[in-house]
Amino acid sequence: MFVDHCAGFDLKLLEHGIFPKLSGLVAGDIPACMYEVSGGVIGTVSNVFEAAAIIALRGERDCITRDDLSEAVRSWAIPQEIINWNPFIQGVGPLGLKR
């Protein structure tokens, strides 16, 4: 269900003309990183994706990049105290760090 939501969010960004191409939100380690950030909470994933989309649009990119997701974690999720590290930079489940 989690990965389906990520894929669906990506599709909706394309269908609604927000981006001209898919962002690959289920590629590589992105789902694992997003699960780590959100604790599996779909609403939190959507909020991070929304923040990343705004970052990508401001950067005039044609899709959300991994860097946009990382920046969204840094600028939105960490200040919200949802997580205290960035799995896009430090990896998933680093020892000694906690949500």
PDB file of N, CA and C in Angstrom:
ATOM      1  N   MET A   1       0.825  -1.183   0.000  1.00  0.00           N
ATOM      2  CA  MET A   1       0.000   0.000   0.000  1.00  0.00           C
ATOM      3  C   MET A   1       0.882   1.264   0.000  1.00  0.00           C
ATOM      4  N   PHE A   2       1.961   1.244   0.765  1.00  0.00           N
ATOM      5  CA  PHE A   2       2.850   2.406   0.845  1.00  0.00           C
ATOM      6  C   PHE A   2       3.461   2.728  -0.523  1.00  0.00           C
ATOM      7  N   VAL A   3       4.031   1.719  -1.163  1.00  0.00           N
ATOM      8  CA  VAL A   3       4.665   1.914  -2.473  1.00  0.00           C
ATOM      9  C   VAL A   3       3.614   2.305  -3.512  1.00  0.00           C
ATOM     10  N   ASP A   4       2.416   1.721  -3.425  1.00  0.00           N
ATOM     11  CA  ASP A   4       1.333   2.092  -4.341  1.00  0.00           C
ATOM     12  C   ASP A   4       0.988   3.571  -4.206  1.00  0.00           C
ATOM     13  N   HIS A   5       0.990   4.071  -2.970  1.00  0.00           N
ATOM     14  CA  HIS A   5       0.702   5.493  -2.752  1.00  0.00           C
ATOM     15  C   HIS A   5       1.786   6.358  -3.395  1.00  0.00           C
ATOM     16  N   CYS A   6       3.036   5.972  -3.216  1.00  0.00           N
ATOM     17  CA  CYS A   6       4.140   6.730  -3.812  1.00  0.00           C
ATOM     18  C   CYS A   6       4.018   6.756  -5.341  1.00  0.00           C
ATOM     19  N   ALA A   7       3.730   5.620  -5.924  1.00  0.00           N
ATOM     20  CA  ALA A   7       3.566   5.534  -7.383  1.00  0.00           C
ATOM     21  C   ALA A   7       2.361   6.350  -7.836  1.00  0.00           C
ATOM     22  N   GLY A   8       1.279   6.267  -7.082  1.00  0.00           N
ATOM     23  CA  GLY A   8       0.070   7.016  -7.417  1.00  0.00           C
ATOM     24  C   GLY A   8       0.280   8.522  -7.336  1.00  0.00           C
ATOM     25  N   PHE A   9       1.019   8.964  -6.335  1.00  0.00           N
ATOM     26  CA  PHE A   9       1.322  10.392  -6.192  1.00  0.00           C
ATOM     27  C   PHE A   9       2.103  10.866  -7.413  1.00  0.00           C
ATOM     28  N   ASP A  10       3.076  10.081  -7.817  1.00  0.00           N
ATOM     29  CA  ASP A  10       3.890  10.389  -8.992  1.00  0.00           C
ATOM     30  C   ASP A  10       3.015  10.505 -10.234  1.00  0.00           C
ATOM     31  N   LEU A  11       2.119   9.538 -10.412  1.00  0.00           N
ATOM     32  CA  LEU A  11       1.203   9.561 -11.559  1.00  0.00           C
ATOM     33  C   LEU A  11       0.312  10.783 -11.553  1.00  0.00           C
ATOM     34  N   LYS A  12      -0.203  11.163 -10.389  1.00  0.00           N
ATOM     35  CA  LYS A  12      -1.094  12.326 -10.289  1.00  0.00           C
ATOM     36  C   LYS A  12      -0.368  13.614 -10.646  1.00  0.00           C
ATOM     37  N   LEU A  13       0.910  13.726 -10.268  1.00  0.00           N
ATOM     38  CA  LEU A  13       1.687  14.910 -10.649  1.00  0.00           C
ATOM     39  C   LEU A  13       1.761  15.038 -12.168  1.00  0.00           C
ATOM     40  N   LEU A  14       1.885  13.913 -12.838  1.00  0.00           N
ATOM     41  CA  LEU A  14       1.913  13.887 -14.304  1.00  0.00           C
ATOM     42  C   LEU A  14       0.529  14.153 -14.881  1.00  0.00           C
ATOM     43  N   GLU A  15      -0.486  13.441 -14.392  1.00  0.00           N
ATOM     44  CA  GLU A  15      -1.854  13.575 -14.907  1.00  0.00           C
ATOM     45  C   GLU A  15      -2.400  14.988 -14.767  1.00  0.00           C
ATOM     46  N   HIS A  16      -2.041  15.667 -13.700  1.00  0.00           N
ATOM     47  CA  HIS A  16      -2.540  17.023 -13.462  1.00  0.00           C
ATOM     48  C   HIS A  16      -1.655  18.098 -14.098  1.00  0.00           C
ATOM     49  N   GLY A  17      -0.664  17.662 -14.848  1.00  0.00           N
ATOM     50  CA  GLY A  17       0.190  18.587 -15.575  1.00  0.00           C
ATOM     51  C   GLY A  17       1.143  19.389 -14.702  1.00  0.00           C
ATOM     52  N   ILE A  18       1.388  18.919 -13.500  1.00  0.00           N
ATOM     53  CA  ILE A  18       2.320  19.628 -12.615  1.00  0.00           C
ATOM     54  C   ILE A  18       3.739  19.434 -13.124  1.00  0.00           C
ATOM     55  N   PHE A  19       4.037  18.212 -13.570  1.00  0.00           N
ATOM     56  CA  PHE A  19       5.327  17.917 -14.179  1.00  0.00           C
ATOM     57  C   PHE A  19       5.094  17.197 -15.499  1.00  0.00           C
ATOM     58  N   PRO A  20       5.987  17.396 -16.478  1.00  0.00           N
ATOM     59  CA  PRO A  20       5.809  16.742 -17.776  1.00  0.00           C
ATOM     60  C   PRO A  20       6.288  15.296 -17.828  1.00  0.00           C
ATOM     61  N   LYS A  21       6.963  14.844 -16.772  1.00  0.00           N
ATOM     62  CA  LYS A  21       7.402  13.453 -16.765  1.00  0.00           C
ATOM     63  C   LYS A  21       7.345  12.901 -15.346  1.00  0.00           C
ATOM     64  N   LEU A  22       7.335  11.561 -15.261  1.00  0.00           N
ATOM     65  CA  LEU A  22       7.313  10.907 -13.950  1.00  0.00           C
ATOM     66  C   LEU A  22       8.610  11.181 -13.207  1.00  0.00           C
ATOM     67  N   SER A  23       8.498  11.252 -11.886  1.00  0.00           N
ATOM     68  CA  SER A  23       9.642  11.544 -11.039  1.00  0.00           C
ATOM     69  C   SER A  23      10.389  10.297 -10.577  1.00  0.00           C
ATOM     70  N   GLY A  24       9.775   9.137 -10.736  1.00  0.00           N
ATOM     71  CA  GLY A  24      10.427   7.911 -10.280  1.00  0.00           C
ATOM     72  C   GLY A  24      10.415   7.790  -8.768  1.00  0.00           C
ATOM     73  N   LEU A  25       9.281   8.114  -8.156  1.00  0.00           N
ATOM     74  CA  LEU A  25       9.183   8.115  -6.698  1.00  0.00           C
ATOM     75  C   LEU A  25       9.213   6.719  -6.082  1.00  0.00           C
ATOM     76  N   VAL A  26       9.269   5.690  -6.920  1.00  0.00           N
ATOM     77  CA  VAL A  26       9.415   4.321  -6.402  1.00  0.00           C
ATOM     78  C   VAL A  26      10.711   3.680  -6.902  1.00  0.00           C
ATOM     79  N   ALA A  27      11.625   4.506  -7.401  1.00  0.00           N
ATOM     80  CA  ALA A  27      12.900   3.993  -7.928  1.00  0.00           C
ATOM     81  C   ALA A  27      13.954   3.906  -6.825  1.00  0.00           C
ATOM     82  N   GLY A  28      14.813   2.933  -6.951  1.00  0.00           N
ATOM     83  CA  GLY A  28      15.951   2.803  -6.048  1.00  0.00           C
ATOM     84  C   GLY A  28      15.557   2.758  -4.583  1.00  0.00           C
ATOM     85  N   ASP A  29      16.258   3.549  -3.790  1.00  0.00           N
ATOM     86  CA  ASP A  29      16.006   3.548  -2.351  1.00  0.00           C
ATOM     87  C   ASP A  29      14.993   4.607  -1.909  1.00  0.00           C
ATOM     88  N   ILE A  30      14.362   5.284  -2.854  1.00  0.00           N
ATOM     89  CA  ILE A  30      13.412   6.341  -2.497  1.00  0.00           C
ATOM     90  C   ILE A  30      12.285   5.824  -1.598  1.00  0.00           C
ATOM     91  N   PRO A  31      11.615   4.704  -1.927  1.00  0.00           N
ATOM     92  CA  PRO A  31      10.561   4.238  -1.010  1.00  0.00           C
ATOM     93  C   PRO A  31      11.084   3.938   0.397  1.00  0.00           C
ATOM     94  N   ALA A  32      12.260   3.335   0.496  1.00  0.00           N
ATOM     95  CA  ALA A  32      12.819   3.022   1.815  1.00  0.00           C
ATOM     96  C   ALA A  32      13.119   4.303   2.585  1.00  0.00           C
ATOM     97  N   CYS A  33      13.693   5.285   1.918  1.00  0.00           N
ATOM     98  CA  CYS A  33      13.977   6.563   2.578  1.00  0.00           C
ATOM     99  C   CYS A  33      12.690   7.253   3.007  1.00  0.00           C
ATOM    100  N   MET A  34      11.694   7.235   2.136  1.00  0.00           N
ATOM    101  CA  MET A  34      10.427   7.885   2.468  1.00  0.00           C
ATOM    102  C   MET A  34       9.720   7.153   3.607  1.00  0.00           C
ATOM    103  N   TYR A  35       9.832   5.847   3.643  1.00  0.00           N
ATOM    104  CA  TYR A  35       9.246   5.085   4.748  1.00  0.00           C
ATOM    105  C   TYR A  35       9.948   5.449   6.053  1.00  0.00           C
ATOM    106  N   GLU A  36      11.248   5.591   5.980  1.00  0.00           N
ATOM    107  CA  GLU A  36      12.026   5.968   7.159  1.00  0.00           C
ATOM    108  C   GLU A  36      11.601   7.347   7.660  1.00  0.00           C
ATOM    109  N   VAL A  37      11.445   8.291   6.742  1.00  0.00           N
ATOM    110  CA  VAL A  37      11.042   9.652   7.117  1.00  0.00           C
ATOM    111  C   VAL A  37       9.657   9.656   7.744  1.00  0.00           C
ATOM    112  N   SER A  38       8.744   8.928   7.136  1.00  0.00           N
ATOM    113  CA  SER A  38       7.322   9.021   7.507  1.00  0.00           C
ATOM    114  C   SER A  38       6.866   8.015   8.547  1.00  0.00           C
ATOM    115  N   GLY A  39       7.674   6.987   8.784  1.00  0.00           N
ATOM    116  CA  GLY A  39       7.196   5.915   9.658  1.00  0.00           C
ATOM    117  C   GLY A  39       6.024   5.173   9.040  1.00  0.00           C
ATOM    118  N   GLY A  40       5.894   5.290   7.722  1.00  0.00           N
ATOM    119  CA  GLY A  40       4.816   4.616   7.002  1.00  0.00           C
ATOM    120  C   GLY A  40       3.514   5.392   6.968  1.00  0.00           C
ATOM    121  N   VAL A  41       3.495   6.605   7.496  1.00  0.00           N
ATOM    122  CA  VAL A  41       2.282   7.422   7.522  1.00  0.00           C
ATOM    123  C   VAL A  41       2.104   8.091   6.160  1.00  0.00           C
ATOM    124  N   ILE A  42       1.035   7.726   5.474  1.00  0.00           N
ATOM    125  CA  ILE A  42       0.775   8.199   4.109  1.00  0.00           C
ATOM    126  C   ILE A  42       0.687   9.725   4.043  1.00  0.00           C
ATOM    127  N   GLY A  43       0.030  10.339   4.999  1.00  0.00           N
ATOM    128  CA  GLY A  43      -0.105  11.799   4.997  1.00  0.00           C
ATOM    129  C   GLY A  43       1.239  12.495   5.075  1.00  0.00           C
ATOM    130  N   THR A  44       2.143  11.943   5.846  1.00  0.00           N
ATOM    131  CA  THR A  44       3.483  12.532   5.966  1.00  0.00           C
ATOM    132  C   THR A  44       4.239  12.393   4.650  1.00  0.00           C
ATOM    133  N   VAL A  45       4.114  11.239   4.022  1.00  0.00           N
ATOM    134  CA  VAL A  45       4.751  11.037   2.709  1.00  0.00           C
ATOM    135  C   VAL A  45       4.236  12.088   1.723  1.00  0.00           C
ATOM    136  N   SER A  46       2.938  12.285   1.710  1.00  0.00           N
ATOM    137  CA  SER A  46       2.346  13.274   0.797  1.00  0.00           C
ATOM    138  C   SER A  46       2.882  14.670   1.081  1.00  0.00           C
ATOM    139  N   ASN A  47       3.027  15.011   2.345  1.00  0.00           N
ATOM    140  CA  ASN A  47       3.554  16.331   2.701  1.00  0.00           C
ATOM    141  C   ASN A  47       5.001  16.504   2.247  1.00  0.00           C
ATOM    142  N   VAL A  48       5.806  15.468   2.397  1.00  0.00           N
ATOM    143  CA  VAL A  48       7.198  15.544   1.927  1.00  0.00           C
ATOM    144  C   VAL A  48       7.219  15.653   0.403  1.00  0.00           C
ATOM    145  N   PHE A  49       6.404  14.864  -0.272  1.00  0.00           N
ATOM    146  CA  PHE A  49       6.331  14.956  -1.736  1.00  0.00           C
ATOM    147  C   PHE A  49       5.881  16.351  -2.165  1.00  0.00           C
ATOM    148  N   GLU A  50       4.916  16.919  -1.462  1.00  0.00           N
ATOM    149  CA  GLU A  50       4.444  18.266  -1.800  1.00  0.00           C
ATOM    150  C   GLU A  50       5.583  19.280  -1.637  1.00  0.00           C
ATOM    151  N   ALA A  51       6.297  19.209  -0.522  1.00  0.00           N
ATOM    152  CA  ALA A  51       7.428  20.117  -0.311  1.00  0.00           C
ATOM    153  C   ALA A  51       8.481  19.942  -1.402  1.00  0.00           C
ATOM    154  N   ALA A  52       8.754  18.699  -1.779  1.00  0.00           N
ATOM    155  CA  ALA A  52       9.729  18.419  -2.835  1.00  0.00           C
ATOM    156  C   ALA A  52       9.253  18.948  -4.186  1.00  0.00           C
ATOM    157  N   ALA A  53       7.950  18.828  -4.441  1.00  0.00           N
ATOM    158  CA  ALA A  53       7.399  19.336  -5.702  1.00  0.00           C
ATOM    159  C   ALA A  53       7.578  20.847  -5.791  1.00  0.00           C
ATOM    160  N   ILE A  54       7.342  21.539  -4.704  1.00  0.00           N
ATOM    161  CA  ILE A  54       7.515  22.999  -4.688  1.00  0.00           C
ATOM    162  C   ILE A  54       8.978  23.349  -4.948  1.00  0.00           C
ATOM    163  N   ILE A  55       9.878  22.623  -4.326  1.00  0.00           N
ATOM    164  CA  ILE A  55      11.314  22.849  -4.536  1.00  0.00           C
ATOM    165  C   ILE A  55      11.674  22.619  -6.004  1.00  0.00           C
ATOM    166  N   ALA A  56      11.168  21.528  -6.581  1.00  0.00           N
ATOM    167  CA  ALA A  56      11.450  21.213  -7.991  1.00  0.00           C
ATOM    168  C   ALA A  56      10.873  22.278  -8.924  1.00  0.00           C
ATOM    169  N   LEU A  57       9.666  22.720  -8.643  1.00  0.00           N
ATOM    170  CA  LEU A  57       9.040  23.740  -9.489  1.00  0.00           C
ATOM    171  C   LEU A  57       9.796  25.063  -9.408  1.00  0.00           C
ATOM    172  N   ARG A  58      10.221  25.425  -8.216  1.00  0.00           N
ATOM    173  CA  ARG A  58      11.011  26.659  -8.058  1.00  0.00           C
ATOM    174  C   ARG A  58      12.338  26.551  -8.796  1.00  0.00           C
ATOM    175  N   GLY A  59      12.871  25.350  -8.873  1.00  0.00           N
ATOM    176  CA  GLY A  59      14.111  25.110  -9.602  1.00  0.00           C
ATOM    177  C   GLY A  59      13.889  24.881 -11.087  1.00  0.00           C
ATOM    178  N   GLU A  60      12.633  24.981 -11.517  1.00  0.00           N
ATOM    179  CA  GLU A  60      12.240  24.812 -12.921  1.00  0.00           C
ATOM    180  C   GLU A  60      12.645  23.459 -13.485  1.00  0.00           C
ATOM    181  N   ARG A  61      12.556  22.415 -12.630  1.00  0.00           N
ATOM    182  CA  ARG A  61      12.829  21.059 -13.094  1.00  0.00           C
ATOM    183  C   ARG A  61      11.556  20.430 -13.652  1.00  0.00           C
ATOM    184  N   ASP A  62      11.719  19.392 -14.459  1.00  0.00           N
ATOM    185  CA  ASP A  62      10.570  18.744 -15.091  1.00  0.00           C
ATOM    186  C   ASP A  62      10.033  17.562 -14.283  1.00  0.00           C
ATOM    187  N   CYS A  63      10.603  17.333 -13.083  1.00  0.00           N
ATOM    188  CA  CYS A  63      10.127  16.296 -12.181  1.00  0.00           C
ATOM    189  C   CYS A  63      10.809  16.498 -10.829  1.00  0.00           C
ATOM    190  N   ILE A  64      10.350  15.762  -9.835  1.00  0.00           N
ATOM    191  CA  ILE A  64      11.000  15.778  -8.526  1.00  0.00           C
ATOM    192  C   ILE A  64      12.256  14.919  -8.615  1.00  0.00           C
ATOM    193  N   THR A  65      13.353  15.435  -8.106  1.00  0.00           N
ATOM    194  CA  THR A  65      14.598  14.668  -8.081  1.00  0.00           C
ATOM    195  C   THR A  65      14.866  14.151  -6.664  1.00  0.00           C
ATOM    196  N   ARG A  66      15.809  13.266  -6.564  1.00  0.00           N
ATOM    197  CA  ARG A  66      16.221  12.755  -5.249  1.00  0.00           C
ATOM    198  C   ARG A  66      16.737  13.903  -4.386  1.00  0.00           C
ATOM    199  N   ASP A  67      17.443  14.841  -5.004  1.00  0.00           N
ATOM    200  CA  ASP A  67      17.931  16.009  -4.269  1.00  0.00           C
ATOM    201  C   ASP A  67      16.779  16.860  -3.739  1.00  0.00           C
ATOM    202  N   ASP A  68      15.704  16.964  -4.532  1.00  0.00           N
ATOM    203  CA  ASP A  68      14.523  17.706  -4.072  1.00  0.00           C
ATOM    204  C   ASP A  68      13.914  17.027  -2.853  1.00  0.00           C
ATOM    205  N   LEU A  69      13.859  15.696  -2.878  1.00  0.00           N
ATOM    206  CA  LEU A  69      13.331  14.954  -1.731  1.00  0.00           C
ATOM    207  C   LEU A  69      14.207  15.161  -0.507  1.00  0.00           C
ATOM    208  N   SER A  70      15.510  15.111  -0.702  1.00  0.00           N
ATOM    209  CA  SER A  70      16.439  15.328   0.397  1.00  0.00           C
ATOM    210  C   SER A  70      16.257  16.728   0.984  1.00  0.00           C
ATOM    211  N   GLU A  71      16.133  17.715   0.118  1.00  0.00           N
ATOM    212  CA  GLU A  71      15.939  19.089   0.577  1.00  0.00           C
ATOM    213  C   GLU A  71      14.602  19.238   1.310  1.00  0.00           C
ATOM    214  N   ALA A  72      13.569  18.542   0.851  1.00  0.00           N
ATOM    215  CA  ALA A  72      12.269  18.586   1.526  1.00  0.00           C
ATOM    216  C   ALA A  72      12.363  17.993   2.929  1.00  0.00           C
ATOM    217  N   VAL A  73      13.139  16.936   3.066  1.00  0.00           N
ATOM    218  CA  VAL A  73      13.350  16.354   4.401  1.00  0.00           C
ATOM    219  C   VAL A  73      14.085  17.364   5.277  1.00  0.00           C
ATOM    220  N   ARG A  74      15.139  17.973   4.730  1.00  0.00           N
ATOM    221  CA  ARG A  74      15.930  18.936   5.494  1.00  0.00           C
ATOM    222  C   ARG A  74      15.116  20.172   5.888  1.00  0.00           C
ATOM    223  N   SER A  75      14.332  20.681   4.946  1.00  0.00           N
ATOM    224  CA  SER A  75      13.652  21.953   5.188  1.00  0.00           C
ATOM    225  C   SER A  75      12.244  21.811   5.762  1.00  0.00           C
ATOM    226  N   TRP A  76      11.638  20.623   5.656  1.00  0.00           N
ATOM    227  CA  TRP A  76      10.272  20.451   6.169  1.00  0.00           C
ATOM    228  C   TRP A  76      10.192  19.400   7.276  1.00  0.00           C
ATOM    229  N   ALA A  77      10.605  18.179   6.987  1.00  0.00           N
ATOM    230  CA  ALA A  77      10.403  17.081   7.944  1.00  0.00           C
ATOM    231  C   ALA A  77      11.249  17.239   9.206  1.00  0.00           C
ATOM    232  N   ILE A  78      12.499  17.621   9.053  1.00  0.00           N
ATOM    233  CA  ILE A  78      13.363  17.773  10.229  1.00  0.00           C
ATOM    234  C   ILE A  78      12.890  18.926  11.115  1.00  0.00           C
ATOM    235  N   PRO A  79      12.592  20.111  10.565  1.00  0.00           N
ATOM    236  CA  PRO A  79      12.073  21.181  11.422  1.00  0.00           C
ATOM    237  C   PRO A  79      10.737  20.842  12.103  1.00  0.00           C
ATOM    238  N   GLN A  80       9.942  19.985  11.458  1.00  0.00           N
ATOM    239  CA  GLN A  80       8.671  19.553  12.050  1.00  0.00           C
ATOM    240  C   GLN A  80       8.890  18.493  13.127  1.00  0.00           C
ATOM    241  N   GLU A  81      10.147  18.087  13.297  1.00  0.00           N
ATOM    242  CA  GLU A  81      10.550  17.053  14.256  1.00  0.00           C
ATOM    243  C   GLU A  81       9.900  15.695  13.972  1.00  0.00           C
ATOM    244  N   ILE A  82       9.691  15.448  12.689  1.00  0.00           N
ATOM    245  CA  ILE A  82       9.177  14.157  12.244  1.00  0.00           C
ATOM    246  C   ILE A  82      10.296  13.127  12.270  1.00  0.00           C
ATOM    247  N   ILE A  83      11.484  13.589  11.962  1.00  0.00           N
ATOM    248  CA  ILE A  83      12.690  12.754  11.960  1.00  0.00           C
ATOM    249  C   ILE A  83      13.855  13.676  12.298  1.00  0.00           C
ATOM    250  N   ASN A  84      14.923  13.118  12.824  1.00  0.00           N
ATOM    251  CA  ASN A  84      16.044  13.986  13.190  1.00  0.00           C
ATOM    252  C   ASN A  84      17.303  13.741  12.358  1.00  0.00           C
ATOM    253  N   TRP A  85      17.152  13.059  11.239  1.00  0.00           N
ATOM    254  CA  TRP A  85      18.250  12.895  10.283  1.00  0.00           C
ATOM    255  C   TRP A  85      17.641  12.754   8.904  1.00  0.00           C
ATOM    256  N   ASN A  86      18.511  12.827   7.901  1.00  0.00           N
ATOM    257  CA  ASN A  86      18.054  12.760   6.514  1.00  0.00           C
ATOM    258  C   ASN A  86      18.514  11.440   5.898  1.00  0.00           C
ATOM    259  N   PRO A  87      17.587  10.469   5.741  1.00  0.00           N
ATOM    260  CA  PRO A  87      17.975   9.184   5.173  1.00  0.00           C
ATOM    261  C   PRO A  87      18.473   9.278   3.725  1.00  0.00           C
ATOM    262  N   PHE A  88      18.142  10.354   3.035  1.00  0.00           N
ATOM    263  CA  PHE A  88      18.650  10.527   1.676  1.00  0.00           C
ATOM    264  C   PHE A  88      20.149  10.833   1.682  1.00  0.00           C
ATOM    265  N   ILE A  89      20.641  11.316   2.819  1.00  0.00           N
ATOM    266  CA  ILE A  89      22.069  11.626   2.955  1.00  0.00           C
ATOM    267  C   ILE A  89      22.762  10.585   3.829  1.00  0.00           C
ATOM    268  N   GLN A  90      22.161  10.256   4.963  1.00  0.00           N
ATOM    269  CA  GLN A  90      22.800   9.408   5.953  1.00  0.00           C
ATOM    270  C   GLN A  90      22.409   7.946   5.853  1.00  0.00           C
ATOM    271  N   GLY A  91      21.487   7.631   4.977  1.00  0.00           N
ATOM    272  CA  GLY A  91      21.057   6.253   4.815  1.00  0.00           C
ATOM    273  C   GLY A  91      19.857   5.912   5.691  1.00  0.00           C
ATOM    274  N   VAL A  92      19.324   4.761   5.452  1.00  0.00           N
ATOM    275  CA  VAL A  92      18.144   4.295   6.176  1.00  0.00           C
ATOM    276  C   VAL A  92      18.577   3.636   7.486  1.00  0.00           C
ATOM    277  N   GLY A  93      18.002   4.102   8.577  1.00  0.00           N
ATOM    278  CA  GLY A  93      18.219   3.475   9.880  1.00  0.00           C
ATOM    279  C   GLY A  93      19.626   3.536  10.418  1.00  0.00           C
ATOM    280  N   PRO A  94      20.286   4.712  10.337  1.00  0.00           N
ATOM    281  CA  PRO A  94      21.636   4.781  10.900  1.00  0.00           C
ATOM    282  C   PRO A  94      21.620   4.496  12.410  1.00  0.00           C
ATOM    283  N   LEU A  95      22.612   3.815  12.866  1.00  0.00           N
ATOM    284  CA  LEU A  95      22.684   3.472  14.290  1.00  0.00           C
ATOM    285  C   LEU A  95      22.831   4.734  15.119  1.00  0.00           C
ATOM    286  N   GLY A  96      22.139   4.757  16.251  1.00  0.00           N
ATOM    287  CA  GLY A  96      22.247   5.869  17.176  1.00  0.00           C
ATOM    288  C   GLY A  96      21.325   7.027  16.867  1.00  0.00           C
ATOM    289  N   LEU A  97      20.672   6.975  15.735  1.00  0.00           N
ATOM    290  CA  LEU A  97      19.727   8.030  15.385  1.00  0.00           C
ATOM    291  C   LEU A  97      18.316   7.487  15.508  1.00  0.00           C
ATOM    292  N   LYS A  98      17.407   8.339  15.881  1.00  0.00           N
ATOM    293  CA  LYS A  98      16.031   7.878  16.018  1.00  0.00           C
ATOM    294  C   LYS A  98      15.076   8.901  15.442  1.00  0.00           C
ATOM    295  N   ARG A  99      13.898   8.428  15.205  1.00  0.00           N
ATOM    296  CA  ARG A  99      12.835   9.270  14.700  1.00  0.00           C
ATOM    297  C   ARG A  99      12.492  10.307  15.733  1.00  0.00           C
TER     298      ARG A  99
END
